[in-house]
């Protein structure tokens, strides 16, 4: 019903910047939130940031606060994740997800649809 496609992941050097994007297609609702999660090899998936589609309320993980910025383009049904001052520990597959509730929750269980992921690798 809803498809999410991420793009923008690549190899970057520590201290560099990268912008990820995720576009939603198919059946959508206006009262929803979109979020970014990441998963490193051997690690559990963790929350990065989320944004409410109406109002634009945001929520950031502690490690993302001040370095990452989530934004959205409602007309394009696209959410972005601007990542600055990247660190090797940011290396992971980044996933976007869509929640059917407006609150930009940090819990993965709130999100019903997930993208395929895009690889971000930060070299030291």
N, C-alpha and C. Protein backbone atom coordinates (compact mmCIF):
# COMPACT_ATOMS: atom_id res chain seq x y z
N UNK A 1 0.82 -1.20 0.00
CA UNK A 1 0.00 0.00 0.00
C UNK A 1 0.86 1.25 0.00
N UNK A 2 1.90 1.25 0.81
CA UNK A 2 2.82 2.37 0.89
C UNK A 2 4.22 1.86 0.61
N UNK A 3 4.90 2.54 -0.27
CA UNK A 3 6.27 2.18 -0.58
C UNK A 3 7.20 3.34 -0.23
N UNK A 4 8.31 3.01 0.38
CA UNK A 4 9.30 4.00 0.76
C UNK A 4 10.61 3.66 0.09
N UNK A 5 11.23 4.64 -0.52
CA UNK A 5 12.49 4.44 -1.21
C UNK A 5 13.50 5.46 -0.73
N UNK A 6 14.59 4.98 -0.13
CA UNK A 6 15.66 5.85 0.33
C UNK A 6 16.73 5.98 -0.73
N UNK A 7 17.47 7.07 -0.66
CA UNK A 7 18.60 7.27 -1.54
C UNK A 7 19.58 8.23 -0.89
N UNK A 8 20.78 8.26 -1.40
CA UNK A 8 21.78 9.21 -0.94
C UNK A 8 22.93 8.63 -0.16
N UNK A 9 22.83 7.38 0.25
CA UNK A 9 23.90 6.78 1.02
C UNK A 9 25.13 6.53 0.17
N UNK A 10 26.31 6.73 0.77
CA UNK A 10 27.56 6.50 0.08
C UNK A 10 28.71 6.51 1.07
N UNK A 11 29.92 6.34 0.55
CA UNK A 11 31.12 6.41 1.36
C UNK A 11 31.57 7.85 1.50
N UNK A 12 31.77 8.28 2.74
CA UNK A 12 32.25 9.63 3.01
C UNK A 12 33.33 9.56 4.08
N UNK A 13 34.15 10.59 4.14
CA UNK A 13 35.19 10.66 5.16
C UNK A 13 34.64 11.29 6.43
N UNK A 14 35.26 10.95 7.54
CA UNK A 14 34.87 11.52 8.82
C UNK A 14 34.91 13.04 8.75
N UNK A 15 33.89 13.66 9.31
CA UNK A 15 33.78 15.10 9.27
C UNK A 15 32.99 15.62 8.09
N UNK A 16 32.69 14.75 7.17
CA UNK A 16 31.95 15.14 5.99
C UNK A 16 30.45 15.19 6.23
N UNK A 17 29.73 15.52 5.18
CA UNK A 17 28.29 15.66 5.25
C UNK A 17 27.62 14.81 4.19
N UNK A 18 26.37 14.50 4.45
CA UNK A 18 25.60 13.68 3.53
C UNK A 18 24.12 13.97 3.75
N UNK A 19 23.37 13.97 2.68
CA UNK A 19 21.93 14.14 2.80
C UNK A 19 21.21 12.95 2.21
N UNK A 20 20.42 12.31 3.03
CA UNK A 20 19.61 11.19 2.61
C UNK A 20 18.20 11.67 2.30
N UNK A 21 17.55 11.00 1.40
CA UNK A 21 16.17 11.32 1.08
C UNK A 21 15.34 10.06 1.05
N UNK A 22 14.07 10.22 1.28
CA UNK A 22 13.14 9.10 1.25
C UNK A 22 11.81 9.60 0.72
N UNK A 23 11.34 8.96 -0.32
CA UNK A 23 10.08 9.34 -0.93
C UNK A 23 9.03 8.26 -0.73
N UNK A 24 7.86 8.68 -0.30
CA UNK A 24 6.75 7.76 -0.07
C UNK A 24 5.80 7.81 -1.26
N UNK A 25 5.30 6.66 -1.63
CA UNK A 25 4.32 6.57 -2.70
C UNK A 25 3.23 5.59 -2.30
N UNK A 26 2.12 5.64 -3.01
CA UNK A 26 1.00 4.79 -2.69
C UNK A 26 0.04 5.47 -1.74
N UNK A 27 -0.71 4.68 -1.03
CA UNK A 27 -1.71 5.20 -0.12
C UNK A 27 -1.06 5.80 1.12
N UNK A 28 -1.33 7.06 1.35
CA UNK A 28 -0.79 7.75 2.51
C UNK A 28 -1.87 8.54 3.23
N UNK A 29 -1.58 8.94 4.42
CA UNK A 29 -2.44 9.75 5.25
C UNK A 29 -1.71 11.03 5.61
N UNK A 30 -2.47 12.07 5.89
CA UNK A 30 -1.84 13.33 6.26
C UNK A 30 -1.37 13.33 7.71
N UNK A 31 -2.05 12.60 8.54
CA UNK A 31 -1.71 12.55 9.96
C UNK A 31 -0.75 11.39 10.24
N UNK A 32 0.45 11.54 9.78
CA UNK A 32 1.45 10.52 10.00
C UNK A 32 2.80 11.16 10.27
N UNK A 33 3.73 10.34 10.66
CA UNK A 33 5.10 10.77 10.89
C UNK A 33 6.05 9.91 10.09
N UNK A 34 7.18 10.47 9.77
CA UNK A 34 8.22 9.70 9.10
C UNK A 34 9.49 9.80 9.91
N UNK A 35 10.19 8.71 9.97
CA UNK A 35 11.39 8.67 10.78
C UNK A 35 12.55 8.00 10.07
N UNK A 36 13.71 8.18 10.65
CA UNK A 36 14.92 7.54 10.18
C UNK A 36 15.48 6.65 11.29
N UNK A 37 15.85 5.46 10.91
CA UNK A 37 16.50 4.51 11.80
C UNK A 37 17.78 4.03 11.13
N UNK A 38 18.65 3.46 11.91
CA UNK A 38 19.87 2.92 11.33
C UNK A 38 20.25 1.63 12.01
N UNK A 39 21.00 0.81 11.29
CA UNK A 39 21.44 -0.46 11.84
C UNK A 39 22.84 -0.78 11.34
N UNK A 40 23.75 -0.90 12.28
CA UNK A 40 25.12 -1.28 11.97
C UNK A 40 25.25 -2.79 12.05
N UNK A 41 26.23 -3.37 11.38
CA UNK A 41 26.41 -4.82 11.42
C UNK A 41 26.55 -5.33 12.85
N UNK A 42 25.77 -6.33 13.19
CA UNK A 42 25.83 -6.91 14.52
C UNK A 42 25.15 -6.09 15.60
N UNK A 43 24.55 -4.98 15.23
CA UNK A 43 23.88 -4.12 16.19
C UNK A 43 22.38 -4.10 15.94
N UNK A 44 21.65 -3.70 16.96
CA UNK A 44 20.22 -3.56 16.80
C UNK A 44 19.88 -2.27 16.08
N UNK A 45 18.74 -2.27 15.45
CA UNK A 45 18.29 -1.07 14.78
C UNK A 45 17.99 0.01 15.82
N UNK A 46 18.43 1.23 15.55
CA UNK A 46 18.23 2.30 16.49
C UNK A 46 17.61 3.53 15.83
N UNK A 47 16.90 4.26 16.63
CA UNK A 47 16.23 5.46 16.19
C UNK A 47 17.22 6.58 15.92
N UNK A 48 16.97 7.35 14.88
CA UNK A 48 17.81 8.49 14.54
C UNK A 48 17.04 9.80 14.69
N UNK A 49 15.94 9.93 13.97
CA UNK A 49 15.15 11.15 14.00
C UNK A 49 13.79 10.89 13.39
N UNK A 50 12.83 11.74 13.72
CA UNK A 50 11.49 11.61 13.16
C UNK A 50 10.84 12.98 13.07
N UNK A 51 9.84 13.08 12.22
CA UNK A 51 9.15 14.34 12.01
C UNK A 51 7.68 14.10 11.74
N UNK A 52 6.82 14.94 12.32
CA UNK A 52 5.39 14.88 12.06
C UNK A 52 5.09 15.58 10.75
N UNK A 53 4.22 14.99 9.94
CA UNK A 53 3.92 15.58 8.65
C UNK A 53 3.13 16.87 8.76
N UNK A 54 2.28 16.94 9.76
CA UNK A 54 1.54 18.16 10.04
C UNK A 54 2.15 18.81 11.27
N UNK A 55 2.59 20.05 11.09
CA UNK A 55 3.20 20.78 12.19
C UNK A 55 4.71 20.72 12.20
N UNK A 56 5.26 19.62 11.72
CA UNK A 56 6.70 19.51 11.62
C UNK A 56 7.44 19.30 12.92
N UNK A 57 6.76 18.79 13.94
CA UNK A 57 7.44 18.49 15.19
C UNK A 57 8.51 17.44 14.96
N UNK A 58 9.64 17.62 15.59
CA UNK A 58 10.76 16.72 15.37
C UNK A 58 11.20 16.04 16.66
N UNK A 59 11.90 14.96 16.49
CA UNK A 59 12.43 14.19 17.60
C UNK A 59 13.77 13.62 17.15
N UNK A 60 14.80 13.79 17.97
CA UNK A 60 16.13 13.34 17.62
C UNK A 60 16.72 12.44 18.69
N UNK A 61 17.47 11.46 18.25
CA UNK A 61 18.27 10.69 19.18
C UNK A 61 19.38 11.59 19.71
N UNK A 62 19.89 11.26 20.89
CA UNK A 62 20.92 12.09 21.50
C UNK A 62 22.15 12.25 20.59
N UNK A 63 22.55 11.17 19.94
CA UNK A 63 23.74 11.24 19.11
C UNK A 63 23.53 12.09 17.86
N UNK A 64 22.26 12.27 17.49
CA UNK A 64 21.95 13.03 16.28
C UNK A 64 21.73 14.52 16.55
N UNK A 65 21.38 14.85 17.76
CA UNK A 65 21.08 16.23 18.12
C UNK A 65 22.27 17.13 17.85
N UNK A 66 22.04 18.17 17.07
CA UNK A 66 23.09 19.12 16.75
C UNK A 66 23.89 18.79 15.51
N UNK A 67 23.86 17.55 15.09
CA UNK A 67 24.59 17.13 13.89
C UNK A 67 23.68 16.79 12.73
N UNK A 68 22.55 16.21 13.04
CA UNK A 68 21.61 15.78 12.01
C UNK A 68 20.37 16.66 12.02
N UNK A 69 19.80 16.85 10.86
CA UNK A 69 18.57 17.62 10.74
C UNK A 69 17.58 16.87 9.86
N UNK A 70 16.40 16.64 10.38
CA UNK A 70 15.36 16.00 9.60
C UNK A 70 14.41 17.08 9.08
N UNK A 71 13.97 16.93 7.86
CA UNK A 71 13.05 17.88 7.27
C UNK A 71 12.16 17.14 6.29
N UNK A 72 11.12 17.82 5.82
CA UNK A 72 10.24 17.17 4.86
C UNK A 72 9.72 18.17 3.85
N UNK A 73 9.37 17.65 2.69
CA UNK A 73 8.73 18.40 1.63
C UNK A 73 7.38 17.74 1.42
N UNK A 74 6.34 18.35 1.95
CA UNK A 74 5.02 17.75 1.89
C UNK A 74 4.53 17.53 0.46
N UNK A 75 4.82 18.48 -0.41
CA UNK A 75 4.36 18.37 -1.79
C UNK A 75 4.98 17.18 -2.50
N UNK A 76 6.18 16.81 -2.10
CA UNK A 76 6.88 15.71 -2.74
C UNK A 76 6.79 14.41 -1.96
N UNK A 77 6.12 14.45 -0.81
CA UNK A 77 6.06 13.28 0.06
C UNK A 77 7.45 12.72 0.34
N UNK A 78 8.36 13.63 0.60
CA UNK A 78 9.75 13.27 0.79
C UNK A 78 10.27 13.78 2.12
N UNK A 79 11.01 12.94 2.79
CA UNK A 79 11.67 13.32 4.03
C UNK A 79 13.17 13.27 3.80
N UNK A 80 13.89 14.17 4.43
CA UNK A 80 15.34 14.26 4.27
C UNK A 80 16.03 14.11 5.62
N UNK A 81 17.24 13.64 5.56
CA UNK A 81 18.08 13.60 6.74
C UNK A 81 19.43 14.19 6.35
N UNK A 82 19.67 15.40 6.82
CA UNK A 82 20.95 16.05 6.59
C UNK A 82 21.89 15.67 7.71
N UNK A 83 23.00 15.06 7.37
CA UNK A 83 23.96 14.60 8.36
C UNK A 83 25.26 15.36 8.18
N UNK A 84 25.68 16.03 9.24
CA UNK A 84 26.93 16.78 9.23
C UNK A 84 27.88 16.21 10.28
N UNK A 85 29.14 16.56 10.14
CA UNK A 85 30.17 16.12 11.08
C UNK A 85 30.10 14.61 11.32
N UNK A 86 30.06 13.88 10.24
CA UNK A 86 29.90 12.44 10.33
C UNK A 86 31.09 11.77 11.01
N UNK A 87 30.79 10.74 11.75
CA UNK A 87 31.79 9.97 12.48
C UNK A 87 31.76 8.53 12.00
N UNK A 88 32.87 7.81 12.18
CA UNK A 88 32.88 6.40 11.77
C UNK A 88 31.75 5.60 12.41
N UNK A 89 31.36 5.93 13.62
CA UNK A 89 30.30 5.22 14.30
C UNK A 89 28.93 5.46 13.69
N UNK A 90 28.85 6.40 12.75
CA UNK A 90 27.61 6.63 12.03
C UNK A 90 27.42 5.63 10.89
N UNK A 91 28.43 4.84 10.64
CA UNK A 91 28.35 3.83 9.59
C UNK A 91 27.23 2.85 9.88
N UNK A 92 26.32 2.72 8.95
CA UNK A 92 25.17 1.85 9.13
C UNK A 92 24.31 1.88 7.88
N UNK A 93 23.35 0.98 7.84
CA UNK A 93 22.31 1.07 6.84
C UNK A 93 21.22 1.95 7.43
N UNK A 94 20.84 2.96 6.70
CA UNK A 94 19.83 3.89 7.17
C UNK A 94 18.49 3.59 6.50
N UNK A 95 17.47 3.49 7.32
CA UNK A 95 16.14 3.18 6.85
C UNK A 95 15.18 4.32 7.15
N UNK A 96 14.29 4.60 6.23
CA UNK A 96 13.21 5.51 6.55
C UNK A 96 11.97 4.68 6.82
N UNK A 97 11.08 5.23 7.60
CA UNK A 97 9.88 4.51 7.99
C UNK A 97 8.72 5.48 8.14
N UNK A 98 7.52 4.95 8.01
CA UNK A 98 6.31 5.75 8.10
C UNK A 98 5.42 5.21 9.20
N UNK A 99 4.93 6.12 10.02
CA UNK A 99 4.02 5.79 11.10
C UNK A 99 2.63 6.32 10.78
N UNK A 100 1.61 5.60 11.20
CA UNK A 100 0.24 6.04 10.97
C UNK A 100 -0.28 6.96 12.07
N UNK A 101 0.60 7.35 12.98
CA UNK A 101 0.24 8.32 14.00
C UNK A 101 1.10 9.56 13.80
N UNK A 102 0.61 10.68 14.26
CA UNK A 102 1.27 11.94 14.01
C UNK A 102 2.51 12.14 14.87
N UNK A 103 2.51 11.58 16.06
CA UNK A 103 3.63 11.77 16.97
C UNK A 103 4.92 11.20 16.38
N UNK A 104 6.00 11.99 16.39
CA UNK A 104 7.28 11.51 15.86
C UNK A 104 7.96 10.59 16.87
N UNK A 105 7.44 9.41 17.01
CA UNK A 105 7.91 8.47 18.01
C UNK A 105 9.30 7.94 17.71
N UNK A 106 9.99 7.55 18.77
CA UNK A 106 11.32 6.98 18.63
C UNK A 106 11.30 5.46 18.58
N UNK A 107 10.20 4.86 18.98
CA UNK A 107 10.09 3.42 18.98
C UNK A 107 9.78 2.86 17.61
N UNK A 108 10.53 1.86 17.19
CA UNK A 108 10.34 1.29 15.86
C UNK A 108 8.99 0.62 15.69
N UNK A 109 8.39 0.20 16.79
CA UNK A 109 7.11 -0.49 16.72
C UNK A 109 5.97 0.43 16.27
N UNK A 110 6.19 1.72 16.32
CA UNK A 110 5.18 2.67 15.88
C UNK A 110 5.15 2.84 14.36
N UNK A 111 6.12 2.29 13.68
CA UNK A 111 6.23 2.47 12.24
C UNK A 111 5.81 1.21 11.51
N UNK A 112 4.91 1.38 10.56
CA UNK A 112 4.32 0.24 9.85
C UNK A 112 4.98 -0.05 8.50
N UNK A 113 5.58 0.97 7.90
CA UNK A 113 6.18 0.80 6.59
C UNK A 113 7.64 1.20 6.63
N UNK A 114 8.44 0.41 5.94
CA UNK A 114 9.88 0.61 5.94
C UNK A 114 10.45 0.58 4.54
N UNK A 115 11.47 1.38 4.33
CA UNK A 115 12.18 1.35 3.08
C UNK A 115 13.20 0.24 3.06
N UNK A 116 13.90 0.11 1.96
CA UNK A 116 14.88 -0.97 1.79
C UNK A 116 16.22 -0.65 2.43
N UNK A 117 16.43 0.59 2.77
CA UNK A 117 17.68 1.00 3.40
C UNK A 117 18.70 1.51 2.40
N UNK A 118 19.56 2.38 2.88
CA UNK A 118 20.65 2.89 2.07
C UNK A 118 21.91 2.91 2.92
N UNK A 119 23.00 2.43 2.36
CA UNK A 119 24.24 2.26 3.11
C UNK A 119 25.01 3.57 3.23
N UNK A 120 25.36 3.89 4.46
CA UNK A 120 26.22 5.03 4.75
C UNK A 120 27.49 4.50 5.40
N UNK A 121 28.62 4.79 4.80
CA UNK A 121 29.89 4.36 5.35
C UNK A 121 30.77 5.57 5.58
N UNK A 122 31.24 5.73 6.79
CA UNK A 122 32.09 6.85 7.16
C UNK A 122 33.48 6.33 7.48
N UNK A 123 34.45 6.73 6.71
CA UNK A 123 35.82 6.28 6.92
C UNK A 123 36.55 7.21 7.87
N UNK A 124 37.51 6.66 8.61
CA UNK A 124 38.26 7.44 9.58
C UNK A 124 39.46 8.11 8.94
